[in-house]
Amino acid sequence: QVQLVESGGGLVQPGGSLRLSCAASGSLTSFDPMGWYRQAPGKQRELVAVVTRGSTTYADSVKGRFTISRDNAKNTVYLQMNSLKPEDTAVYYCNAYRDVHYWGQGTQVTVSS
């Protein structure tokens, strides 16, 4: 049974930073790609960032502010979020693909003063 467990969300002021972590059960090397998605209230879930073995892709709204990375030795994927804006407020979900898509339970990120 594949499990993805996110952590690192919380309340932060505009301009602040957070780092999200996604710990996977089993080896990360069997998953490709892996990514982060988010869903704000009343909106559809959207792609934030994806990492494959060879490259990364970001939504235009987060380019230059967010960085996705994976540590295969720790079976963990990270999302470093800097210069956070109120419009980044959402539930953030980790996603991993291996024959089918697997999802974590989500972690809330709230950007507010």
C-alpha atoms as a PDB file:
ATOM      1  CA  GLN A   1       0.000   0.000   0.000  1.00  0.00           C
ATOM      2  CA  VAL A   2       1.499   3.311  -1.091  1.00  0.00           C
ATOM      3  CA  GLN A   3       1.258   6.160   1.395  1.00  0.00           C
ATOM      4  CA  LEU A   4       2.207   9.791   0.879  1.00  0.00           C
ATOM      5  CA  VAL A   5       2.282  11.950   3.998  1.00  0.00           C
ATOM      6  CA  GLU A   6       2.593  15.724   3.667  1.00  0.00           C
ATOM      7  CA  SER A   7       3.793  18.079   6.387  1.00  0.00           C
ATOM      8  CA  GLY A   8       5.037  21.629   6.782  1.00  0.00           C
ATOM      9  CA  GLY A   9       1.909  23.646   6.132  1.00  0.00           C
ATOM     10  CA  GLY A  10       0.708  26.440   8.353  1.00  0.00           C
ATOM     11  CA  LEU A  11      -0.048  30.136   8.664  1.00  0.00           C
ATOM     12  CA  VAL A  12       2.506  32.584   7.313  1.00  0.00           C
ATOM     13  CA  GLN A  13       2.526  36.310   6.582  1.00  0.00           C
ATOM     14  CA  PRO A  14       2.794  37.610   3.018  1.00  0.00           C
ATOM     15  CA  GLY A  15       6.400  37.544   1.902  1.00  0.00           C
ATOM     16  CA  GLY A  16       7.220  34.662   4.204  1.00  0.00           C
ATOM     17  CA  SER A  17       8.450  31.156   3.463  1.00  0.00           C
ATOM     18  CA  LEU A  18       7.399  27.584   4.124  1.00  0.00           C
ATOM     19  CA  ARG A  19       8.846  24.227   3.170  1.00  0.00           C
ATOM     20  CA  LEU A  20       6.474  21.364   2.516  1.00  0.00           C
ATOM     21  CA  SER A  21       7.613  17.761   2.757  1.00  0.00           C
ATOM     22  CA  CYS A  22       6.070  14.631   1.291  1.00  0.00           C
ATOM     23  CA  ALA A  23       7.297  11.342   2.725  1.00  0.00           C
ATOM     24  CA  ALA A  24       6.559   8.266   0.657  1.00  0.00           C
ATOM     25  CA  SER A  25       6.347   4.691   1.818  1.00  0.00           C
ATOM     26  CA  GLY A  26       8.828   2.724  -0.191  1.00  0.00           C
ATOM     27  CA  SER A  27      11.496   3.882  -2.559  1.00  0.00           C
ATOM     28  CA  LEU A  28      10.977   7.154  -4.415  1.00  0.00           C
ATOM     29  CA  THR A  29      12.893   5.868  -7.384  1.00  0.00           C
ATOM     30  CA  SER A  30       9.908   3.795  -8.427  1.00  0.00           C
ATOM     31  CA  PHE A  31       7.746   6.909  -8.726  1.00  0.00           C
ATOM     32  CA  ASP A  32       8.058   9.252 -11.685  1.00  0.00           C
ATOM     33  CA  PRO A  33       7.011  11.956 -11.934  1.00  0.00           C
ATOM     34  CA  MET A  34       6.237  13.383  -8.529  1.00  0.00           C
ATOM     35  CA  GLY A  35       4.618  16.710  -7.927  1.00  0.00           C
ATOM     36  CA  TRP A  36       2.705  19.161  -5.822  1.00  0.00           C
ATOM     37  CA  TYR A  37      -0.825  20.349  -6.542  1.00  0.00           C
ATOM     38  CA  ARG A  38      -3.034  22.784  -4.679  1.00  0.00           C
ATOM     39  CA  GLN A  39      -6.714  23.483  -4.319  1.00  0.00           C
ATOM     40  CA  ALA A  40      -8.123  26.757  -3.060  1.00  0.00           C
ATOM     41  CA  PRO A  41     -11.721  27.048  -1.776  1.00  0.00           C
ATOM     42  CA  GLY A  42     -14.174  27.044  -4.665  1.00  0.00           C
ATOM     43  CA  LYS A  43     -11.471  26.303  -7.243  1.00  0.00           C
ATOM     44  CA  GLN A  44     -10.245  23.252  -9.099  1.00  0.00           C
ATOM     45  CA  ARG A  45      -7.071  21.457  -8.089  1.00  0.00           C
ATOM     46  CA  GLU A  46      -4.134  22.826 -10.049  1.00  0.00           C
ATOM     47  CA  LEU A  47      -0.571  21.793 -10.737  1.00  0.00           C
ATOM     48  CA  VAL A  48       2.065  23.713  -8.784  1.00  0.00           C
ATOM     49  CA  ALA A  49       5.301  21.897  -9.623  1.00  0.00           C
ATOM     50  CA  VAL A  50       6.472  18.567 -10.994  1.00  0.00           C
ATOM     51  CA  VAL A  51       9.855  16.848 -10.835  1.00  0.00           C
ATOM     52  CA  THR A  52      10.967  13.971 -12.992  1.00  0.00           C
ATOM     53  CA  ARG A  53      14.327  12.290 -13.075  1.00  0.00           C
ATOM     54  CA  GLY A  54      15.485  14.838 -15.583  1.00  0.00           C
ATOM     55  CA  SER A  55      13.646  18.092 -15.132  1.00  0.00           C
ATOM     56  CA  THR A  56      11.256  20.298 -13.219  1.00  0.00           C
ATOM     57  CA  THR A  57       8.133  22.159 -14.327  1.00  0.00           C
ATOM     58  CA  TYR A  58       6.353  24.978 -12.530  1.00  0.00           C
ATOM     59  CA  ALA A  59       3.067  26.789 -12.856  1.00  0.00           C
ATOM     60  CA  ASP A  60       3.603  30.326 -14.143  1.00  0.00           C
ATOM     61  CA  SER A  61       2.141  31.721 -10.926  1.00  0.00           C
ATOM     62  CA  VAL A  62       4.931  30.226  -8.786  1.00  0.00           C
ATOM     63  CA  LYS A  63       7.961  30.408 -11.097  1.00  0.00           C
ATOM     64  CA  GLY A  64      10.897  32.065  -9.387  1.00  0.00           C
ATOM     65  CA  ARG A  65       9.315  31.685  -5.939  1.00  0.00           C
ATOM     66  CA  PHE A  66       8.842  27.940  -5.444  1.00  0.00           C
ATOM     67  CA  THR A  67      11.377  25.135  -5.804  1.00  0.00           C
ATOM     68  CA  ILE A  68      10.586  21.428  -5.971  1.00  0.00           C
ATOM     69  CA  SER A  69      13.188  18.821  -5.141  1.00  0.00           C
ATOM     70  CA  ARG A  70      13.380  15.132  -4.319  1.00  0.00           C
ATOM     71  CA  ASP A  71      15.702  13.240  -1.998  1.00  0.00           C
ATOM     72  CA  ASN A  72      15.555   9.622  -3.054  1.00  0.00           C
ATOM     73  CA  ALA A  73      17.684   8.535  -0.094  1.00  0.00           C
ATOM     74  CA  LYS A  74      15.043   9.908   2.294  1.00  0.00           C
ATOM     75  CA  ASN A  75      12.053   8.958   0.125  1.00  0.00           C
ATOM     76  CA  THR A  76      10.926  12.571   0.395  1.00  0.00           C
ATOM     77  CA  VAL A  77       9.859  15.303  -1.996  1.00  0.00           C
ATOM     78  CA  TYR A  78      10.032  18.944  -0.940  1.00  0.00           C
ATOM     79  CA  LEU A  79       8.407  22.186  -2.011  1.00  0.00           C
ATOM     80  CA  GLN A  80      10.274  25.285  -0.878  1.00  0.00           C
ATOM     81  CA  MET A  81       7.926  28.242  -1.063  1.00  0.00           C
ATOM     82  CA  ASN A  82       9.323  31.772  -0.807  1.00  0.00           C
ATOM     83  CA  SER A  83       7.773  35.204  -1.212  1.00  0.00           C
ATOM     84  CA  LEU A  84       4.379  33.773  -0.399  1.00  0.00           C
ATOM     85  CA  LYS A  85       1.284  35.688  -1.435  1.00  0.00           C
ATOM     86  CA  PRO A  86      -2.310  35.531  -0.152  1.00  0.00           C
ATOM     87  CA  GLU A  87      -3.315  33.891  -3.434  1.00  0.00           C
ATOM     88  CA  ASP A  88      -1.065  30.949  -2.564  1.00  0.00           C
ATOM     89  CA  THR A  89      -3.511  30.030   0.189  1.00  0.00           C
ATOM     90  CA  ALA A  90      -4.767  26.499  -0.500  1.00  0.00           C
ATOM     91  CA  VAL A  91      -4.571  22.878   0.524  1.00  0.00           C
ATOM     92  CA  TYR A  92      -1.392  21.463  -0.996  1.00  0.00           C
ATOM     93  CA  TYR A  93      -1.311  17.830  -2.123  1.00  0.00           C
ATOM     94  CA  CYS A  94       1.607  15.589  -2.948  1.00  0.00           C
ATOM     95  CA  ASN A  95       1.239  13.363  -6.007  1.00  0.00           C
ATOM     96  CA  ALA A  96       3.274  10.395  -7.172  1.00  0.00           C
ATOM     97  CA  TYR A  97       2.834   8.313 -10.295  1.00  0.00           C
ATOM     98  CA  ARG A  98       3.617   4.626 -10.688  1.00  0.00           C
ATOM     99  CA  ASP A  99       1.130   2.993 -13.018  1.00  0.00           C
ATOM    100  CA  VAL A 100      -1.575   5.051 -11.248  1.00  0.00           C
ATOM    101  CA  HIS A 101      -1.631   8.382  -9.430  1.00  0.00           C
ATOM    102  CA  TYR A 102      -1.249   8.373  -5.666  1.00  0.00           C
ATOM    103  CA  TRP A 103      -2.249  11.330  -3.483  1.00  0.00           C
ATOM    104  CA  GLY A 104      -1.444  12.475   0.018  1.00  0.00           C
ATOM    105  CA  GLN A 105      -4.054  13.765   2.453  1.00  0.00           C
ATOM    106  CA  GLY A 106      -3.103  17.410   1.927  1.00  0.00           C
ATOM    107  CA  THR A 107      -1.647  20.129   4.113  1.00  0.00           C
ATOM    108  CA  GLN A 108      -3.164  23.583   4.588  1.00  0.00           C
ATOM    109  CA  VAL A 109      -1.150  26.658   3.678  1.00  0.00           C
ATOM    110  CA  THR A 110      -2.609  30.014   4.689  1.00  0.00           C
ATOM    111  CA  VAL A 111      -0.924  33.269   3.728  1.00  0.00           C
ATOM    112  CA  SER A 112      -2.414  36.165   5.646  1.00  0.00           C
ATOM    113  CA  SER A 113      -1.423  39.154   7.723  1.00  0.00           C
END
